[in-house]
Amino acid sequence: MTKRVAELPYSKIAKITCLALVFMSWILPGFGQSQPNIILFYVDDLGWSDLGYMGSEFYESPIIDSLAGESMVFTSAYANAANCAPSRASMLSGLYTPRHGVYTVAPAARGASSQRKLVPYPTKTKLDSSFTTVAEILQRNGYKTAQIGKWHLGNKSSDASNQGFDTSIGGFKGGHPPTYFSPYRIPGFEDGEAGEYLTDRLTDEALSFIEDYADRPFFLYLSHYAVHTPLEAKEEDEEGFSNKVTKDQQDNTTYAAMIKSVDRSLSDLVAKLDELELSEQTLLIFYSDNGGLGSVTSNKPLRGEKGMLYEGGIRVPMFWHWPEKINSQTKCDVPVIGIDLFPTLMAVTGINEPDLLLDGKDLTPLLFESGKLESRSLYWHFPAYLQGLKNTKYPNELVRGWRAVPSGAIRKGDWKLIEDFETGELSLFNVTQDISEKVNLALKNPEKLYELMRDLKSWRKEVNAPVPSKLNSAYFE
């Protein structure tokens, strides 16, 4: 259900409900007169609870909070995966991970072999060029396109240029920068003056792109490396946090400063759109690729962290901002996921690609409050291993010493099921009533357990998802 936010920073607003009408984009007032500019502002490892508008009392994000208050906030937004590369591959292709084979950040066989019961399924490290990206569709329909920042889907920076981006700056095969201060040591990326900060530099590159193509539709994929490790921040951004008191386990001052730099980046982008009188022509999507890393932040009240299929690993902040088109100060509790961006952007731009296979759904009925989204389930598939961290803030969540073992998950309505491929253990939660996933209802609700398990297996068959079954001999030695 979409409704007005009861309270957001700077506002107190009455609740509303979705209108029970069928959405037809071409009859919306003022819609379709010109194709909108699109900015996808993508933050790396930003947790669901890491922003002021999402409840954080330690981190400071006034511009993000303010813009969220002028947007539609999705409270049940999910990443396509619990870590970086697969989330990005799925978002750009509009496909679930088994379709393209990018399951995790390589290698899939992490940790000691003697502790892995199963032989994991190999992961790809590149989004194959045979998959059509949303950038390619926009590009061939007249958009100027740019990828600025983290790429992580190929062996060289030119891979982004081969998948629909006219401009590609700052990306390479790595998932994080060697350092956030120039000289950056990022292949193909020109260093700035000594001490220049990477988040600021990427923002400047984005501002230049907007200026260069202000007279035509553009798609800007600004994919910040922040707030991924290494934890490095400008001294002036870190000032003041050491004196703050927190009760929610969010207490890392450097991480707080990195969030502050991201907030400044968004502020600069919004100011540039205002300066060029592009604000009302621009759809801006704020989103994170996966949950927060437990060693540096807390995702509470969500359970778990980056890498896990608990909510803390896959539920993330998201809002959509488009003045005069998307009502401000609204929120939507309907579960949505990253693969929905592709079909939604096709709808808002009026581009028709009837033969294109997409797993996501068009979110415009929610965004324009013109109807309901057809009932569906969301899925995650992880046939690999991810090592646990000794300094995690979630020590009790580690599964036999791992952050993740081969597993899969489904969310259907209020319910969520996680299947452990090693042990066959099933965990069933009502995530609407139990957002912290404290109570496993598998034994108390066998009918719902069977329903979700049946649907999960049916989906795996449909997308040809590999389930590891071969035993690892080293585990039994």
Protein backbone atom coordinates (compact mmCIF):
# COMPACT_ATOMS: atom_id res chain seq x y z
CA MET A 1 0.00 0.00 0.00
CA THR A 2 1.21 3.47 -0.85
CA LYS A 3 0.48 6.14 1.72
CA ARG A 4 1.53 9.50 3.02
CA VAL A 5 4.43 9.42 5.44
CA ALA A 6 3.23 9.96 8.98
CA GLU A 7 6.47 11.73 9.84
CA LEU A 8 9.53 12.59 7.83
CA PRO A 9 12.15 15.17 8.64
CA TYR A 10 10.78 18.66 7.99
CA SER A 11 7.17 17.45 7.57
CA LYS A 12 4.09 15.96 9.19
CA ILE A 13 1.68 14.61 6.67
CA ALA A 14 -1.67 12.79 6.56
CA LYS A 15 -1.90 9.24 5.23
CA ILE A 16 -3.31 8.42 1.80
CA THR A 17 -4.00 5.18 -0.04
CA CYS A 18 -3.44 4.04 -3.59
CA LEU A 19 -6.25 4.75 -6.08
CA ALA A 20 -7.82 1.59 -7.47
CA LEU A 21 -7.36 2.57 -11.14
CA VAL A 22 -5.47 0.86 -13.95
CA PHE A 23 -2.34 2.83 -14.84
CA MET A 24 -1.94 4.15 -18.37
CA SER A 25 1.11 6.37 -18.58
CA TRP A 26 -0.05 8.24 -21.64
CA ILE A 27 -3.06 9.79 -19.86
CA LEU A 28 -1.15 11.27 -16.92
CA PRO A 29 -1.30 15.08 -16.99
CA GLY A 30 1.86 16.43 -18.60
CA PHE A 31 3.37 12.95 -18.98
CA GLY A 32 5.07 11.99 -22.20
CA GLN A 33 5.56 15.52 -23.54
CA SER A 34 9.31 14.94 -23.40
CA GLN A 35 11.50 12.13 -22.16
CA PRO A 36 12.82 12.75 -18.66
CA ASN A 37 16.43 12.84 -17.63
CA ILE A 38 17.26 9.94 -15.32
CA ILE A 39 19.77 9.91 -12.48
CA LEU A 40 20.44 6.67 -10.64
CA PHE A 41 22.28 7.66 -7.47
CA TYR A 42 23.68 4.33 -6.28
CA VAL A 43 25.48 4.03 -2.92
CA ASP A 44 27.66 1.03 -2.06
CA ASP A 45 26.97 -0.91 1.18
CA LEU A 46 24.59 1.71 2.62
CA GLY A 47 22.44 0.00 5.24
CA TRP A 48 18.67 0.32 5.62
CA SER A 49 19.10 2.13 8.95
CA ASP A 50 22.04 4.36 7.98
CA LEU A 51 20.17 7.57 7.18
CA GLY A 52 18.32 10.12 9.26
CA TYR A 53 15.03 9.64 7.42
CA MET A 54 15.31 5.90 8.14
CA GLY A 55 15.84 6.45 11.85
CA SER A 56 19.56 6.92 12.40
CA GLU A 57 20.40 9.32 15.22
CA PHE A 58 24.17 9.16 14.74
CA TYR A 59 24.80 9.57 11.01
CA GLU A 60 24.01 12.94 9.45
CA SER A 61 22.34 13.12 6.04
CA PRO A 62 20.27 16.33 5.97
CA ILE A 63 20.11 16.72 2.19
CA ILE A 64 19.23 13.07 1.59
CA ASP A 65 16.60 13.29 4.33
CA SER A 66 15.14 16.47 2.87
CA LEU A 67 14.94 15.04 -0.64
CA ALA A 68 13.38 11.85 0.70
CA GLY A 69 10.72 14.06 2.25
CA GLU A 70 9.94 15.37 -1.24
CA SER A 71 9.83 11.89 -2.77
CA MET A 72 8.18 8.50 -2.62
CA VAL A 73 10.05 6.41 -0.06
CA PHE A 74 9.97 2.61 -0.44
CA THR A 75 10.19 1.08 3.02
CA SER A 76 10.39 -2.51 1.73
CA ALA A 77 12.93 -2.02 -1.04
CA TYR A 78 15.31 -4.90 -1.65
CA ALA A 79 18.67 -5.38 -3.32
CA ASN A 80 18.90 -8.10 -5.96
CA ALA A 81 21.58 -9.84 -3.91
CA ALA A 82 23.34 -9.53 -0.57
CA ASN A 83 26.61 -8.28 -2.10
CA CYS A 84 27.89 -5.95 -4.77
CA ALA A 85 28.47 -7.49 -8.20
CA PRO A 86 25.31 -9.60 -8.55
CA SER A 87 23.11 -6.70 -7.42
CA ARG A 88 24.58 -4.51 -10.14
CA ALA A 89 24.38 -7.17 -12.85
CA SER A 90 20.71 -7.79 -12.09
CA MET A 91 19.80 -4.11 -11.83
CA LEU A 92 21.34 -3.24 -15.21
CA SER A 93 19.96 -6.33 -16.98
CA GLY A 94 16.59 -6.54 -15.23
CA LEU A 95 17.21 -10.24 -14.64
CA TYR A 96 17.51 -12.47 -11.59
CA THR A 97 21.01 -13.80 -10.89
CA PRO A 98 20.54 -17.33 -12.33
CA ARG A 99 19.82 -15.77 -15.72
CA HIS A 100 23.27 -14.15 -16.02
CA GLY A 101 25.35 -16.25 -13.61
CA VAL A 102 26.88 -13.47 -11.49
CA TYR A 103 26.10 -14.87 -8.02
CA THR A 104 28.70 -13.29 -5.78
CA VAL A 105 31.99 -11.43 -5.68
CA ALA A 106 34.50 -14.05 -6.82
CA PRO A 107 35.57 -16.56 -5.76
CA ALA A 108 32.47 -18.58 -4.89
CA ALA A 109 34.58 -21.00 -2.84
CA ARG A 110 35.66 -18.71 -0.02
CA GLY A 111 37.09 -19.80 3.30
CA ALA A 112 38.76 -23.03 4.31
CA SER A 113 37.81 -25.99 2.11
CA SER A 114 37.60 -28.19 5.20
CA GLN A 115 34.65 -26.08 6.40
CA ARG A 116 32.65 -26.17 3.15
CA LYS A 117 30.29 -29.14 3.10
CA LEU A 118 29.25 -28.54 -0.51
CA VAL A 119 31.13 -27.72 -3.69
CA PRO A 120 29.80 -24.25 -4.54
CA TYR A 121 28.59 -23.37 -8.00
CA PRO A 122 31.09 -21.13 -9.86
CA THR A 123 30.23 -17.47 -10.28
CA LYS A 124 30.83 -15.29 -13.29
CA THR A 125 32.70 -12.04 -12.75
CA LYS A 126 31.44 -10.21 -15.83
CA LEU A 127 28.00 -9.32 -17.14
CA ASP A 128 28.19 -10.89 -20.58
CA SER A 129 27.64 -8.54 -23.51
CA SER A 130 24.87 -10.82 -24.78
CA PHE A 131 22.63 -9.37 -22.05
CA THR A 132 20.91 -6.12 -22.94
CA THR A 133 21.27 -3.42 -20.30
CA VAL A 134 18.90 -0.60 -19.54
CA ALA A 135 21.64 1.79 -20.66
CA GLU A 136 21.74 0.17 -24.11
CA ILE A 137 17.98 0.59 -24.53
CA LEU A 138 18.11 4.23 -23.47
CA GLN A 139 21.16 4.90 -25.61
CA ARG A 140 19.58 3.63 -28.81
CA ASN A 141 16.48 5.68 -28.06
CA GLY A 142 18.31 8.99 -28.01
CA TYR A 143 19.70 9.22 -24.48
CA LYS A 144 23.25 10.24 -23.67
CA THR A 145 24.44 7.78 -21.05
CA ALA A 146 27.18 7.85 -18.42
CA GLN A 147 28.57 5.40 -15.89
CA ILE A 148 30.58 7.25 -13.29
CA GLY A 149 32.20 5.41 -10.38
CA LYS A 150 32.09 1.76 -9.46
CA TRP A 151 31.59 -0.76 -12.28
CA HIS A 152 32.66 -4.19 -10.90
CA LEU A 153 31.18 -6.14 -13.83
CA GLY A 154 34.14 -6.67 -16.10
CA ASN A 155 37.88 -6.91 -16.35
CA LYS A 156 38.47 -3.40 -17.69
CA SER A 157 36.82 0.00 -17.62
CA SER A 158 35.88 -0.26 -21.30
CA ASP A 159 33.35 -2.97 -20.50
CA ALA A 160 30.83 -0.32 -19.44
CA SER A 161 31.32 1.44 -22.77
CA ASN A 162 30.44 -1.81 -24.51
CA GLN A 163 27.18 -2.12 -22.59
CA GLY A 164 25.41 1.10 -23.40
CA PHE A 165 27.42 3.89 -21.78
CA ASP A 166 28.71 6.74 -23.95
CA THR A 167 30.81 7.95 -21.03
CA SER A 168 32.57 5.65 -18.55
CA ILE A 169 34.67 7.17 -15.79
CA GLY A 170 36.29 5.66 -12.71
CA GLY A 171 35.17 2.07 -13.08
CA PHE A 172 37.29 -1.08 -13.14
CA LYS A 173 37.00 -4.75 -12.20
CA GLY A 174 37.53 -4.10 -8.48
CA GLY A 175 34.76 -3.76 -5.95
CA HIS A 176 36.43 -0.99 -3.96
CA PRO A 177 39.10 1.65 -4.55
CA PRO A 178 42.65 1.13 -3.29
CA THR A 179 42.19 4.47 -1.53
CA TYR A 180 39.69 7.33 -1.43
CA PHE A 181 42.46 9.94 -1.77
CA SER A 182 44.37 10.85 -4.91
CA PRO A 183 46.51 9.28 -6.25
CA TYR A 184 43.74 6.68 -6.51
CA ARG A 185 45.54 3.88 -8.38
CA ILE A 186 42.34 3.07 -10.31
CA PRO A 187 43.25 1.76 -13.79
CA GLY A 188 42.30 4.20 -16.53
CA PHE A 189 41.21 6.91 -14.09
CA GLU A 190 43.21 10.13 -14.09
CA ASP A 191 44.44 11.20 -10.66
CA GLY A 192 43.55 14.60 -9.29
CA GLU A 193 45.57 16.86 -7.08
CA ALA A 194 47.18 15.15 -4.10
CA GLY A 195 44.60 14.65 -1.39
CA GLU A 196 41.56 15.03 -3.64
CA TYR A 197 38.67 12.92 -2.26
CA LEU A 198 37.14 10.30 -4.54
CA THR A 199 33.46 10.93 -3.70
CA ASP A 200 33.95 14.63 -4.45
CA ARG A 201 35.80 13.87 -7.69
CA LEU A 202 33.11 11.50 -8.98
CA THR A 203 30.51 14.13 -8.16
CA ASP A 204 32.44 16.72 -10.18
CA GLU A 205 32.56 14.31 -13.13
CA ALA A 206 28.80 13.84 -12.86
CA LEU A 207 28.19 17.60 -12.77
CA SER A 208 30.28 18.03 -15.91
CA PHE A 209 28.27 15.35 -17.70
CA ILE A 210 24.99 17.05 -16.76
CA GLU A 211 26.27 20.39 -18.01
CA ASP A 212 27.47 18.88 -21.29
CA TYR A 213 24.13 17.25 -22.07
CA ALA A 214 21.64 19.59 -20.42
CA ASP A 215 19.89 20.14 -23.76
CA ARG A 216 18.94 16.51 -24.38
CA PRO A 217 17.71 13.50 -22.37
CA PHE A 218 20.45 11.84 -20.36
CA PHE A 219 20.87 8.80 -18.13
CA LEU A 220 23.45 9.25 -15.37
CA TYR A 221 24.45 6.15 -13.42
CA LEU A 222 26.41 7.69 -10.55
CA SER A 223 27.70 4.65 -8.73
CA HIS A 224 29.65 5.80 -5.69
CA TYR A 225 32.33 3.58 -4.15
CA ALA A 226 31.33 5.07 -0.81
CA VAL A 227 30.48 3.86 1.74
CA HIS A 228 32.38 0.63 0.97
CA THR A 229 35.68 -0.03 2.70
CA PRO A 230 38.45 1.07 3.01
CA LEU A 231 37.07 3.44 5.62
CA GLU A 232 38.67 6.77 4.73
CA ALA A 233 37.23 10.26 5.06
CA LYS A 234 38.18 13.93 4.98
CA GLU A 235 39.14 15.26 8.40
CA GLU A 236 36.61 18.09 8.19
CA ASP A 237 33.80 15.60 7.50
CA GLU A 238 34.72 13.62 10.59
CA GLU A 239 34.61 16.60 12.94
CA GLY A 240 31.91 16.51 15.59
CA PHE A 241 31.04 12.83 15.43
CA SER A 242 33.43 11.77 18.20
CA ASN A 243 31.35 13.75 20.71
CA LYS A 244 28.02 12.22 19.68
CA VAL A 245 26.32 9.64 21.89
CA THR A 246 24.54 6.71 20.27
CA LYS A 247 22.32 3.91 21.55
CA ASP A 248 21.91 1.99 18.31
CA GLN A 249 25.48 0.65 17.76
CA GLN A 250 26.09 3.13 14.95
CA ASP A 251 29.25 4.74 16.26
CA ASN A 252 31.97 4.66 13.58
CA THR A 253 33.01 8.27 13.03
CA THR A 254 34.85 7.62 9.75
CA TYR A 255 31.86 5.78 8.31
CA ALA A 256 29.66 8.68 9.45
CA ALA A 257 31.95 11.08 7.59
CA MET A 258 31.71 8.97 4.43
CA ILE A 259 27.92 9.15 4.61
CA LYS A 260 28.29 12.91 5.00
CA SER A 261 30.33 13.02 1.78
CA VAL A 262 27.59 11.13 -0.06
CA ASP A 263 25.04 13.60 1.31
CA ARG A 264 27.16 16.46 -0.05
CA SER A 265 27.33 14.74 -3.43
CA LEU A 266 23.55 14.58 -3.69
CA SER A 267 23.33 18.21 -2.58
CA ASP A 268 25.65 19.26 -5.41
CA LEU A 269 23.64 17.30 -7.97
CA VAL A 270 20.34 18.81 -6.85
CA ALA A 271 21.87 22.30 -6.93
CA LYS A 272 23.14 21.73 -10.49
CA LEU A 273 19.70 20.58 -11.65
CA ASP A 274 18.16 23.69 -10.12
CA GLU A 275 20.80 25.93 -11.69
CA LEU A 276 20.15 24.47 -15.17
CA GLU A 277 16.37 24.43 -14.61
CA LEU A 278 16.30 20.66 -15.09
CA SER A 279 14.71 19.61 -11.80
CA GLU A 280 11.19 19.07 -13.11
CA GLN A 281 12.53 17.18 -16.14
CA THR A 282 14.60 14.79 -14.04
CA LEU A 283 13.70 11.51 -12.35
CA LEU A 284 16.18 10.78 -9.54
CA ILE A 285 16.41 7.35 -7.92
CA PHE A 286 18.31 6.95 -4.65
CA TYR A 287 19.26 3.33 -3.89
CA SER A 288 21.85 1.04 -2.26
CA ASP A 289 23.30 -2.19 -3.65
CA ASN A 290 23.04 -4.27 -0.45
CA GLY A 291 22.82 -4.00 3.32
CA GLY A 292 25.38 -2.44 5.62
CA LEU A 293 28.58 -4.20 6.67
CA GLY A 294 28.22 -5.39 10.26
CA SER A 295 31.80 -4.61 11.23
CA VAL A 296 31.24 -0.88 10.71
CA THR A 297 27.52 -0.20 11.15
CA SER A 298 24.30 -1.63 12.58
CA ASN A 299 21.27 -2.49 10.48
CA LYS A 300 19.01 -2.90 13.51
CA PRO A 301 16.10 -3.45 13.85
CA LEU A 302 16.88 -5.64 10.85
CA ARG A 303 18.66 -8.90 11.45
CA GLY A 304 22.03 -9.60 9.87
CA GLU A 305 24.31 -7.70 7.51
CA LYS A 306 25.79 -7.54 4.05
CA GLY A 307 26.23 -11.04 2.63
CA MET A 308 23.27 -12.54 4.49
CA LEU A 309 19.78 -13.29 3.20
CA TYR A 310 18.32 -11.94 6.42
CA GLU A 311 16.70 -8.52 6.01
CA GLY A 312 19.86 -6.71 7.10
CA GLY A 313 21.69 -8.07 4.07
CA ILE A 314 19.12 -7.35 1.38
CA ARG A 315 16.65 -4.66 2.53
CA VAL A 316 17.98 -1.22 1.61
CA PRO A 317 17.01 2.47 1.46
CA MET A 318 15.32 3.65 -1.73
CA PHE A 319 13.32 6.67 -2.84
CA TRP A 320 12.15 8.09 -6.19
CA HIS A 321 12.06 11.84 -6.77
CA TRP A 322 10.36 13.59 -9.70
CA PRO A 323 8.80 17.01 -9.02
CA GLU A 324 5.22 17.44 -10.26
CA LYS A 325 5.05 13.78 -11.32
CA ILE A 326 5.66 11.75 -8.14
CA ASN A 327 3.85 13.09 -5.08
CA SER A 328 6.19 14.28 -2.37
CA GLN A 329 6.05 13.15 1.25
CA THR A 330 4.71 9.70 0.41
CA LYS A 331 5.83 6.21 1.27
CA CYS A 332 5.11 2.79 -0.14
CA ASP A 333 5.28 -0.43 1.87
CA VAL A 334 4.92 -2.72 -1.16
CA PRO A 335 8.01 -4.94 -1.56
CA VAL A 336 10.08 -3.92 -4.61
CA ILE A 337 13.48 -5.00 -5.90
CA GLY A 338 16.31 -3.72 -8.10
CA ILE A 339 15.27 -5.63 -11.23
CA ASP A 340 12.13 -3.45 -11.24
CA LEU A 341 14.14 -0.40 -12.31
CA PHE A 342 14.56 -1.57 -15.92
CA PRO A 343 10.86 -2.03 -16.80
CA THR A 344 9.91 1.06 -14.81
CA LEU A 345 12.35 3.24 -16.76
CA MET A 346 10.99 1.81 -20.00
CA ALA A 347 7.53 2.89 -18.91
CA VAL A 348 8.41 6.43 -17.85
CA THR A 349 10.35 7.04 -21.08
CA GLY A 350 7.66 5.52 -23.29
CA ILE A 351 10.10 3.03 -24.81
CA ASN A 352 8.51 -0.21 -25.98
CA GLU A 353 10.62 -3.37 -26.20
CA PRO A 354 8.04 -6.18 -26.37
CA ASP A 355 10.52 -8.99 -27.06
CA LEU A 356 12.88 -8.13 -24.20
CA LEU A 357 12.97 -10.65 -21.34
CA LEU A 358 12.75 -8.88 -17.98
CA ASP A 359 12.11 -10.40 -14.55
CA GLY A 360 11.18 -7.13 -12.85
CA LYS A 361 7.86 -5.28 -12.81
CA ASP A 362 6.85 -1.78 -13.85
CA LEU A 363 6.45 0.28 -10.66
CA THR A 364 4.61 3.22 -12.23
CA PRO A 365 1.23 2.23 -10.73
CA LEU A 366 2.83 2.76 -7.33
CA LEU A 367 4.89 5.80 -8.24
CA PHE A 368 1.94 7.67 -9.72
CA GLU A 369 -0.60 6.24 -7.26
CA SER A 370 -2.75 5.08 -10.12
CA GLY A 371 -3.22 1.42 -9.30
CA LYS A 372 -1.86 -1.64 -7.56
CA LEU A 373 1.10 -3.78 -8.41
CA GLU A 374 0.14 -7.28 -9.41
CA SER A 375 0.79 -9.74 -6.59
CA ARG A 376 4.14 -11.51 -6.95
CA SER A 377 7.03 -13.04 -5.05
CA LEU A 378 10.65 -11.87 -4.83
CA TYR A 379 13.58 -14.30 -4.99
CA TRP A 380 17.26 -14.59 -4.07
CA HIS A 381 19.71 -17.33 -5.01
CA PHE A 382 23.18 -17.75 -3.53
CA PRO A 383 24.94 -21.05 -4.45
CA ALA A 384 28.26 -19.98 -2.90
CA TYR A 385 30.10 -19.26 0.37
CA LEU A 386 30.94 -15.95 2.00
CA GLN A 387 33.37 -15.79 4.89
CA GLY A 388 32.34 -14.48 8.28
CA LEU A 389 34.12 -11.53 9.87
CA LYS A 390 35.58 -11.74 13.37
CA ASN A 391 34.76 -8.14 14.21
CA THR A 392 31.15 -8.22 13.06
CA LYS A 393 28.48 -6.52 15.17
CA TYR A 394 26.30 -9.55 14.51
CA PRO A 395 28.30 -12.42 16.08
CA ASN A 396 25.21 -14.54 16.70
CA GLU A 397 24.13 -14.36 13.08
CA LEU A 398 27.14 -16.16 11.65
CA VAL A 399 26.03 -19.49 10.29
CA ARG A 400 28.62 -22.05 11.40
CA GLY A 401 31.30 -19.37 11.10
CA TRP A 402 30.02 -18.03 7.75
CA ARG A 403 28.15 -14.91 6.80
CA ALA A 404 26.52 -16.96 4.07
CA VAL A 405 26.43 -20.59 3.03
CA PRO A 406 24.74 -21.82 -0.17
CA SER A 407 21.13 -20.78 0.27
CA GLY A 408 18.03 -19.29 -1.29
CA ALA A 409 15.13 -17.12 -0.20
CA ILE A 410 11.67 -15.97 -1.21
CA ARG A 411 9.44 -13.15 0.00
CA LYS A 412 5.72 -13.53 -0.73
CA GLY A 413 3.38 -10.98 0.81
CA ASP A 414 4.17 -10.68 4.50
CA TRP A 415 6.12 -13.94 4.53
CA LYS A 416 9.74 -14.82 3.90
CA LEU A 417 11.45 -18.21 3.67
CA ILE A 418 15.19 -18.90 3.78
CA GLU A 419 16.52 -22.34 2.74
CA ASP A 420 19.96 -23.55 3.80
CA PHE A 421 21.29 -25.84 1.04
CA GLU A 422 23.93 -27.40 3.33
CA THR A 423 21.59 -28.63 6.05
CA GLY A 424 18.16 -28.35 4.46
CA GLU A 425 17.08 -26.11 7.35
CA LEU A 426 14.08 -23.90 6.58
CA SER A 427 13.40 -20.59 8.33
CA LEU A 428 9.99 -18.96 7.95
CA PHE A 429 9.29 -15.41 9.11
CA ASN A 430 6.42 -12.98 8.98
CA VAL A 431 8.57 -9.94 8.20
CA THR A 432 5.68 -7.50 8.54
CA GLN A 433 4.97 -8.49 12.14
CA ASP A 434 8.55 -9.56 12.91
CA ILE A 435 10.89 -7.26 11.00
CA SER A 436 13.84 -8.50 13.09
CA GLU A 437 13.23 -12.13 12.04
CA LYS A 438 13.39 -13.36 15.61
CA VAL A 439 10.74 -16.08 15.48
CA ASN A 440 11.03 -19.02 13.07
CA LEU A 441 7.44 -20.05 12.30
CA ALA A 442 8.33 -23.05 10.14
CA LEU A 443 6.94 -25.61 12.60
CA LYS A 444 3.94 -23.53 13.63
CA ASN A 445 2.77 -22.76 10.10
CA PRO A 446 3.45 -25.81 7.89
CA GLU A 447 0.87 -24.73 5.27
CA LYS A 448 2.64 -21.43 4.61
CA LEU A 449 6.01 -23.17 4.74
CA TYR A 450 4.90 -25.64 2.06
CA GLU A 451 3.42 -22.85 -0.08
CA LEU A 452 6.60 -20.78 -0.13
CA MET A 453 8.88 -23.79 -0.56
CA ARG A 454 6.79 -24.96 -3.50
CA ASP A 455 6.96 -21.52 -5.11
CA LEU A 456 10.71 -21.23 -4.51
CA LYS A 457 11.39 -24.60 -6.14
CA SER A 458 9.13 -23.75 -9.07
CA TRP A 459 10.99 -20.48 -9.61
CA ARG A 460 14.38 -22.19 -9.48
CA LYS A 461 13.21 -24.57 -12.17
CA GLU A 462 11.91 -21.71 -14.30
CA VAL A 463 15.20 -19.76 -14.23
CA ASN A 464 17.42 -22.86 -14.20
CA ALA A 465 19.01 -21.95 -10.87
CA PRO A 466 21.79 -24.39 -9.88
CA VAL A 467 21.56 -25.82 -6.38
CA PRO A 468 24.90 -27.19 -5.10
CA SER A 469 24.60 -30.85 -4.16
CA LYS A 470 28.06 -32.36 -4.66
CA LEU A 471 29.73 -33.05 -1.33
CA ASN A 472 33.19 -31.64 -0.71
CA SER A 473 35.51 -34.50 0.29
CA ALA A 474 37.80 -32.15 2.26
CA TYR A 475 34.92 -31.44 4.64
CA PHE A 476 34.78 -35.08 5.75
CA GLU A 477 38.51 -35.70 6.12
